Each structure stands twice: as C-alpha cells, then as structure tokens.
Amino acid sequence: MSTVTAVPLQPVKRSYLIYLWLGIAIAVIAAFLLAMQGEPALAREAKASDVVTTASGLKYKIIQPGQGGAHPTDTDVTLVNYEGRLLSGTTFDKSQQPTPMPVTGVVPGFAEALKLMTKGEKARFWLPPALGYGADAKGPIPANSTLVFDVDLVDFIPEQVLRQMQMQQQMGQAQGVPGVAPPAEAQGKR
C-alpha cells in the first residue's frame, strides 16, 4: 500500500483572481463583438432606430422622401426601379430600367411596401419570409428567406387608365395612324 502525502495548496493571491475574472470578461466581450461582425450588414441595419416596423412585420426605411401626396392602391400599376437582395447581400433580382408592376401582382410584402410610398420616394424594405415566398424556394431565393428591396417609385397610375392607353395604342397601330408603327404582319402587305 502506498500512502499519499497531502500537500496543502498555497493560497492564491487576490490579484491573480482579479486578472482571471478580467480575462474572462474580455473574452466574453470579444466573442460578442465577433458575433456582431458575423451578422450581415443588411440584418444589422434592419434593427436601426430609424427603421419602422408595420403590424404585418414589414420593416422599412425612407432613403429619400417623395413628393408627398397620394399612395398607390391595389388598383394601380407602379413604375419602379428596384434591387432585391438576400440578407447576405446577394442580389437575386434587379431592374435594368423603370419596370411597371401591378400592386396586386407581387408578393404581399412588396405590395404593402409599394402602398406606403409616394411618387419619387426611395426606400429600403425588409420582407420577412411570411410576406415573401415563405417556405418555398424560388430560383436563387432559398426557403424562409428575408428579402431586402431598395425601391425607387418613379410613378403610378390606375390600372384601368393603363389598359385604356394600351388599347388606344393598339388601335392606332392597326389603323396606320402617322407616327405609330403598324403591326408586323400588316407591314408586309403594303
């Protein structure tokens, strides 16, 4: 049998314990800061104090105020420049020129966002998955993605007015009105 000789531990100096606790606190703070840096900038921006959240969960920030006045409604067609991105910053869609969009012809969050804008306004919108594509993956957009849109509302008109303008243009082309090109099949018959 062996006998174990008990060796008493020497007391630790108080300054060593203070250094130990300070080191732990610094490590926790550094871990928090690293975690914040890992969060995409678009996600951090959505938490800023100047970002407004609607009852549905849509978040928006006005980048450039519009001309005030009227807002698009469900019966309007908007003319917009836009860029759609994921929270990571990856662009999944971008208009090359002002694009006509019926307010009711887009995902619910984008429609809600358009109805908040005025002519000439530029804004950034964060659509939670429930207001975007939800659990469905759509092309480059993964399922359950928060979508971020930068939108410039150039103009909007009632859809009925747009349809009348299109009909008038088609009738003008069919009748050979000067300044309006006739349909392609009619050009060959002259």
C-alpha atoms as a PDB file:
ATOM      1  CA  MET A   1       0.000   0.000   0.000  1.00  0.00           C
ATOM      2  CA  SER A   2       1.119   3.402  -0.828  1.00  0.00           C
ATOM      3  CA  THR A   3       0.461   6.342   1.270  1.00  0.00           C
ATOM      4  CA  VAL A   4      -0.462   9.615  -0.257  1.00  0.00           C
ATOM      5  CA  THR A   5       1.024  12.581   1.362  1.00  0.00           C
ATOM      6  CA  ALA A   6      -1.360  15.505   1.395  1.00  0.00           C
ATOM      7  CA  VAL A   7       0.276  18.706   0.278  1.00  0.00           C
ATOM      8  CA  PRO A   8      -1.666  21.770   1.211  1.00  0.00           C
ATOM      9  CA  LEU A   9      -2.306  24.241  -1.603  1.00  0.00           C
ATOM     10  CA  GLN A  10      -0.843  27.628  -1.199  1.00  0.00           C
ATOM     11  CA  PRO A  11      -3.401  30.449  -1.164  1.00  0.00           C
ATOM     12  CA  VAL A  12      -3.802  32.261  -4.487  1.00  0.00           C
ATOM     13  CA  LYS A  13      -3.035  35.921  -4.486  1.00  0.00           C
ATOM     14  CA  ARG A  14      -6.081  38.122  -4.819  1.00  0.00           C
ATOM     15  CA  SER A  15      -4.568  39.965  -7.814  1.00  0.00           C
ATOM     16  CA  TYR A  16      -4.425  36.684  -9.768  1.00  0.00           C
ATOM     17  CA  LEU A  17      -8.169  36.171  -9.271  1.00  0.00           C
ATOM     18  CA  ILE A  18      -8.863  39.721 -10.457  1.00  0.00           C
ATOM     19  CA  TYR A  19      -6.776  39.107 -13.599  1.00  0.00           C
ATOM     20  CA  LEU A  20      -8.607  35.832 -14.201  1.00  0.00           C
ATOM     21  CA  TRP A  21     -12.058  37.492 -13.993  1.00  0.00           C
ATOM     22  CA  LEU A  22     -10.951  40.404 -16.177  1.00  0.00           C
ATOM     23  CA  GLY A  23      -9.669  37.933 -18.773  1.00  0.00           C
ATOM     24  CA  ILE A  24     -12.989  36.081 -18.780  1.00  0.00           C
ATOM     25  CA  ALA A  25     -14.924  39.358 -19.164  1.00  0.00           C
ATOM     26  CA  ILE A  26     -12.702  40.470 -22.056  1.00  0.00           C
ATOM     27  CA  ALA A  27     -13.139  37.090 -23.760  1.00  0.00           C
ATOM     28  CA  VAL A  28     -16.961  37.332 -23.468  1.00  0.00           C
ATOM     29  CA  ILE A  29     -16.979  40.882 -24.878  1.00  0.00           C
ATOM     30  CA  ALA A  30     -14.681  39.868 -27.744  1.00  0.00           C
ATOM     31  CA  ALA A  31     -16.927  36.897 -28.565  1.00  0.00           C
ATOM     32  CA  PHE A  32     -19.970  39.201 -28.631  1.00  0.00           C
ATOM     33  CA  LEU A  33     -18.224  41.666 -30.966  1.00  0.00           C
ATOM     34  CA  LEU A  34     -17.129  38.857 -33.278  1.00  0.00           C
ATOM     35  CA  ALA A  35     -20.685  37.544 -33.380  1.00  0.00           C
ATOM     36  CA  MET A  36     -21.952  41.014 -34.298  1.00  0.00           C
ATOM     37  CA  GLN A  37     -19.425  41.264 -37.122  1.00  0.00           C
ATOM     38  CA  GLY A  38     -20.639  37.924 -38.452  1.00  0.00           C
ATOM     39  CA  GLU A  39     -24.172  39.301 -38.776  1.00  0.00           C
ATOM     40  CA  PRO A  40     -24.783  40.666 -42.285  1.00  0.00           C
ATOM     41  CA  ALA A  41     -24.898  44.449 -42.571  1.00  0.00           C
ATOM     42  CA  LEU A  42     -28.439  44.360 -44.005  1.00  0.00           C
ATOM     43  CA  ALA A  43     -29.636  42.406 -40.962  1.00  0.00           C
ATOM     44  CA  ARG A  44     -27.953  44.858 -38.566  1.00  0.00           C
ATOM     45  CA  GLU A  45     -29.420  47.817 -40.447  1.00  0.00           C
ATOM     46  CA  ALA A  46     -32.935  46.383 -40.055  1.00  0.00           C
ATOM     47  CA  LYS A  47     -32.538  46.824 -36.282  1.00  0.00           C
ATOM     48  CA  ALA A  48     -31.648  50.530 -36.501  1.00  0.00           C
ATOM     49  CA  SER A  49     -33.792  53.090 -34.717  1.00  0.00           C
ATOM     50  CA  ASP A  50     -34.902  54.808 -37.950  1.00  0.00           C
ATOM     51  CA  VAL A  51     -36.415  51.587 -39.329  1.00  0.00           C
ATOM     52  CA  VAL A  52     -40.208  51.362 -38.940  1.00  0.00           C
ATOM     53  CA  THR A  53     -41.973  48.024 -38.437  1.00  0.00           C
ATOM     54  CA  THR A  54     -45.582  47.606 -39.575  1.00  0.00           C
ATOM     55  CA  ALA A  55     -48.181  45.380 -37.898  1.00  0.00           C
ATOM     56  CA  SER A  56     -47.512  42.656 -40.507  1.00  0.00           C
ATOM     57  CA  GLY A  57     -43.772  42.584 -39.723  1.00  0.00           C
ATOM     58  CA  LEU A  58     -42.625  44.536 -42.799  1.00  0.00           C
ATOM     59  CA  LYS A  59     -39.701  46.822 -41.958  1.00  0.00           C
ATOM     60  CA  TYR A  60     -38.903  49.933 -43.955  1.00  0.00           C
ATOM     61  CA  LYS A  61     -36.602  52.913 -44.035  1.00  0.00           C
ATOM     62  CA  ILE A  62     -37.128  56.022 -46.168  1.00  0.00           C
ATOM     63  CA  ILE A  63     -33.879  56.797 -48.011  1.00  0.00           C
ATOM     64  CA  GLN A  64     -35.164  59.799 -49.978  1.00  0.00           C
ATOM     65  CA  PRO A  65     -38.597  61.320 -49.335  1.00  0.00           C
ATOM     66  CA  GLY A  66     -41.008  61.538 -52.226  1.00  0.00           C
ATOM     67  CA  GLN A  67     -43.205  64.348 -53.415  1.00  0.00           C
ATOM     68  CA  GLY A  68     -45.848  63.538 -50.831  1.00  0.00           C
ATOM     69  CA  GLY A  69     -49.497  63.207 -51.590  1.00  0.00           C
ATOM     70  CA  ALA A  70     -51.123  60.067 -52.910  1.00  0.00           C
ATOM     71  CA  HIS A  71     -50.005  56.484 -52.385  1.00  0.00           C
ATOM     72  CA  PRO A  72     -50.544  53.606 -54.826  1.00  0.00           C
ATOM     73  CA  THR A  73     -53.561  51.378 -54.189  1.00  0.00           C
ATOM     74  CA  ASP A  74     -54.424  47.809 -55.159  1.00  0.00           C
ATOM     75  CA  THR A  75     -55.919  49.095 -58.431  1.00  0.00           C
ATOM     76  CA  ASP A  76     -52.727  50.879 -59.533  1.00  0.00           C
ATOM     77  CA  VAL A  77     -49.734  49.926 -61.656  1.00  0.00           C
ATOM     78  CA  THR A  78     -46.455  51.319 -60.377  1.00  0.00           C
ATOM     79  CA  LEU A  79     -43.329  52.201 -62.319  1.00  0.00           C
ATOM     80  CA  VAL A  80     -40.306  51.298 -60.176  1.00  0.00           C
ATOM     81  CA  ASN A  81     -36.577  50.802 -60.183  1.00  0.00           C
ATOM     82  CA  TYR A  82     -35.673  48.101 -57.680  1.00  0.00           C
ATOM     83  CA  GLU A  83     -32.996  45.748 -56.434  1.00  0.00           C
ATOM     84  CA  GLY A  84     -33.863  42.619 -54.466  1.00  0.00           C
ATOM     85  CA  ARG A  85     -31.254  41.079 -52.179  1.00  0.00           C
ATOM     86  CA  LEU A  86     -30.937  38.435 -49.510  1.00  0.00           C
ATOM     87  CA  LEU A  87     -29.739  39.407 -46.016  1.00  0.00           C
ATOM     88  CA  SER A  88     -26.274  38.180 -47.025  1.00  0.00           C
ATOM     89  CA  GLY A  89     -26.198  40.963 -49.626  1.00  0.00           C
ATOM     90  CA  THR A  90     -26.559  38.624 -52.609  1.00  0.00           C
ATOM     91  CA  THR A  91     -28.640  40.267 -55.358  1.00  0.00           C
ATOM     92  CA  PHE A  92     -31.337  37.955 -56.740  1.00  0.00           C
ATOM     93  CA  ASP A  93     -33.161  40.454 -58.993  1.00  0.00           C
ATOM     94  CA  LYS A  94     -32.594  43.980 -60.277  1.00  0.00           C
ATOM     95  CA  SER A  95     -34.453  46.153 -62.754  1.00  0.00           C
ATOM     96  CA  GLN A  96     -32.432  47.466 -65.677  1.00  0.00           C
ATOM     97  CA  GLN A  97     -34.898  50.287 -66.342  1.00  0.00           C
ATOM     98  CA  PRO A  98     -38.111  51.517 -64.739  1.00  0.00           C
ATOM     99  CA  THR A  99     -40.375  48.477 -64.570  1.00  0.00           C
ATOM    100  CA  PRO A 100     -44.202  48.512 -64.474  1.00  0.00           C
ATOM    101  CA  MET A 101     -45.600  46.413 -61.619  1.00  0.00           C
ATOM    102  CA  PRO A 102     -49.256  45.994 -60.692  1.00  0.00           C
ATOM    103  CA  VAL A 103     -49.545  46.437 -56.933  1.00  0.00           C
ATOM    104  CA  THR A 104     -51.519  43.193 -56.627  1.00  0.00           C
ATOM    105  CA  GLY A 105     -49.160  41.288 -58.948  1.00  0.00           C
ATOM    106  CA  VAL A 106     -46.257  40.986 -56.478  1.00  0.00           C
ATOM    107  CA  VAL A 107     -45.618  39.165 -53.179  1.00  0.00           C
ATOM    108  CA  PRO A 108     -47.699  40.516 -50.263  1.00  0.00           C
ATOM    109  CA  GLY A 109     -44.816  42.335 -48.551  1.00  0.00           C
ATOM    110  CA  PHE A 110     -43.767  44.118 -51.741  1.00  0.00           C
ATOM    111  CA  ALA A 111     -47.390  45.181 -52.364  1.00  0.00           C
ATOM    112  CA  GLU A 112     -47.637  46.525 -48.805  1.00  0.00           C
ATOM    113  CA  ALA A 113     -44.342  48.372 -49.286  1.00  0.00           C
ATOM    114  CA  LEU A 114     -45.474  49.982 -52.557  1.00  0.00           C
ATOM    115  CA  LYS A 115     -48.663  51.239 -50.895  1.00  0.00           C
ATOM    116  CA  LEU A 116     -46.559  53.028 -48.249  1.00  0.00           C
ATOM    117  CA  MET A 117     -44.599  55.032 -50.835  1.00  0.00           C
ATOM    118  CA  THR A 118     -45.251  58.305 -52.626  1.00  0.00           C
ATOM    119  CA  LYS A 119     -44.155  59.341 -56.111  1.00  0.00           C
ATOM    120  CA  GLY A 120     -40.389  59.963 -56.279  1.00  0.00           C
ATOM    121  CA  GLU A 121     -39.654  58.212 -52.976  1.00  0.00           C
ATOM    122  CA  LYS A 122     -36.726  55.849 -52.439  1.00  0.00           C
ATOM    123  CA  ALA A 123     -36.918  53.328 -49.623  1.00  0.00           C
ATOM    124  CA  ARG A 124     -35.463  50.068 -48.330  1.00  0.00           C
ATOM    125  CA  PHE A 125     -37.806  47.278 -47.263  1.00  0.00           C
ATOM    126  CA  TRP A 126     -37.181  44.085 -45.296  1.00  0.00           C
ATOM    127  CA  LEU A 127     -39.820  41.430 -46.030  1.00  0.00           C
ATOM    128  CA  PRO A 128     -39.979  38.576 -43.517  1.00  0.00           C
ATOM    129  CA  PRO A 129     -40.496  35.130 -45.099  1.00  0.00           C
ATOM    130  CA  ALA A 130     -44.256  35.214 -44.402  1.00  0.00           C
ATOM    131  CA  LEU A 131     -44.564  38.340 -46.610  1.00  0.00           C
ATOM    132  CA  GLY A 132     -42.262  36.963 -49.314  1.00  0.00           C
ATOM    133  CA  TYR A 133     -42.079  33.381 -50.540  1.00  0.00           C
ATOM    134  CA  GLY A 134     -42.378  31.680 -47.134  1.00  0.00           C
ATOM    135  CA  ALA A 135     -41.193  28.083 -47.014  1.00  0.00           C
ATOM    136  CA  ASP A 136     -40.936  27.899 -50.822  1.00  0.00           C
ATOM    137  CA  ALA A 137     -37.595  28.267 -52.572  1.00  0.00           C
ATOM    138  CA  LYS A 138     -37.902  30.373 -55.747  1.00  0.00           C
ATOM    139  CA  GLY A 139     -34.904  30.202 -58.083  1.00  0.00           C
ATOM    140  CA  PRO A 140     -31.944  31.821 -56.304  1.00  0.00           C
ATOM    141  CA  ILE A 141     -34.076  32.606 -53.220  1.00  0.00           C
ATOM    142  CA  PRO A 142     -33.779  29.932 -50.510  1.00  0.00           C
ATOM    143  CA  ALA A 143     -36.820  28.885 -48.490  1.00  0.00           C
ATOM    144  CA  ASN A 144     -37.678  31.030 -45.445  1.00  0.00           C
ATOM    145  CA  SER A 145     -35.591  33.967 -46.659  1.00  0.00           C
ATOM    146  CA  THR A 146     -35.954  37.543 -45.529  1.00  0.00           C
ATOM    147  CA  LEU A 147     -35.938  39.674 -48.673  1.00  0.00           C
ATOM    148  CA  VAL A 148     -34.453  43.178 -48.827  1.00  0.00           C
ATOM    149  CA  PHE A 149     -35.596  45.565 -51.543  1.00  0.00           C
ATOM    150  CA  ASP A 150     -34.315  49.002 -52.482  1.00  0.00           C
ATOM    151  CA  VAL A 151     -37.194  50.631 -54.355  1.00  0.00           C
ATOM    152  CA  ASP A 152     -37.487  53.907 -56.248  1.00  0.00           C
ATOM    153  CA  LEU A 153     -41.145  54.689 -57.030  1.00  0.00           C
ATOM    154  CA  VAL A 154     -40.965  56.655 -60.285  1.00  0.00           C
ATOM    155  CA  ASP A 155     -44.726  56.969 -60.834  1.00  0.00           C
ATOM    156  CA  PHE A 156     -48.049  55.125 -60.652  1.00  0.00           C
ATOM    157  CA  ILE A 157     -51.361  55.218 -62.482  1.00  0.00           C
ATOM    158  CA  PRO A 158     -54.658  53.342 -62.161  1.00  0.00           C
ATOM    159  CA  GLU A 159     -54.551  50.005 -63.974  1.00  0.00           C
ATOM    160  CA  GLN A 160     -57.729  50.903 -65.888  1.00  0.00           C
ATOM    161  CA  VAL A 161     -56.049  54.027 -67.317  1.00  0.00           C
ATOM    162  CA  LEU A 162     -53.057  51.943 -68.398  1.00  0.00           C
ATOM    163  CA  ARG A 163     -55.320  49.424 -70.145  1.00  0.00           C
ATOM    164  CA  GLN A 164     -57.127  52.246 -71.995  1.00  0.00           C
ATOM    165  CA  MET A 165     -53.784  53.705 -73.113  1.00  0.00           C
ATOM    166  CA  GLN A 166     -52.672  50.278 -74.358  1.00  0.00           C
ATOM    167  CA  MET A 167     -55.929  49.773 -76.264  1.00  0.00           C
ATOM    168  CA  GLN A 168     -55.639  53.206 -77.873  1.00  0.00           C
ATOM    169  CA  GLN A 169     -52.081  52.453 -78.910  1.00  0.00           C
ATOM    170  CA  GLN A 170     -53.083  49.100 -80.411  1.00  0.00           C
ATOM    171  CA  MET A 171     -55.994  50.690 -82.266  1.00  0.00           C
ATOM    172  CA  GLY A 172     -53.668  53.425 -83.585  1.00  0.00           C
ATOM    173  CA  GLN A 173     -51.206  50.831 -84.842  1.00  0.00           C
ATOM    174  CA  ALA A 174     -53.958  48.818 -86.525  1.00  0.00           C
ATOM    175  CA  GLN A 175     -55.369  51.900 -88.288  1.00  0.00           C
ATOM    176  CA  GLY A 176     -51.977  53.106 -89.513  1.00  0.00           C
ATOM    177  CA  VAL A 177     -52.007  56.382 -87.576  1.00  0.00           C
ATOM    178  CA  PRO A 178     -48.975  58.506 -88.535  1.00  0.00           C
ATOM    179  CA  GLY A 179     -46.163  58.138 -86.025  1.00  0.00           C
ATOM    180  CA  VAL A 180     -47.423  54.763 -84.864  1.00  0.00           C
ATOM    181  CA  ALA A 181     -45.830  51.699 -86.435  1.00  0.00           C
ATOM    182  CA  PRO A 182     -48.369  49.223 -87.881  1.00  0.00           C
ATOM    183  CA  PRO A 183     -48.302  45.613 -86.701  1.00  0.00           C
ATOM    184  CA  ALA A 184     -45.552  43.476 -88.268  1.00  0.00           C
ATOM    185  CA  GLU A 185     -47.950  41.343 -90.321  1.00  0.00           C
ATOM    186  CA  ALA A 186     -49.569  44.443 -91.841  1.00  0.00           C
ATOM    187  CA  GLN A 187     -46.174  45.891 -92.877  1.00  0.00           C
ATOM    188  CA  GLY A 188     -45.609  43.065 -95.361  1.00  0.00           C
ATOM    189  CA  LYS A 189     -48.976  43.710 -97.112  1.00  0.00           C
ATOM    190  CA  ARG A 190     -48.238  47.302 -98.230  1.00  0.00           C
END
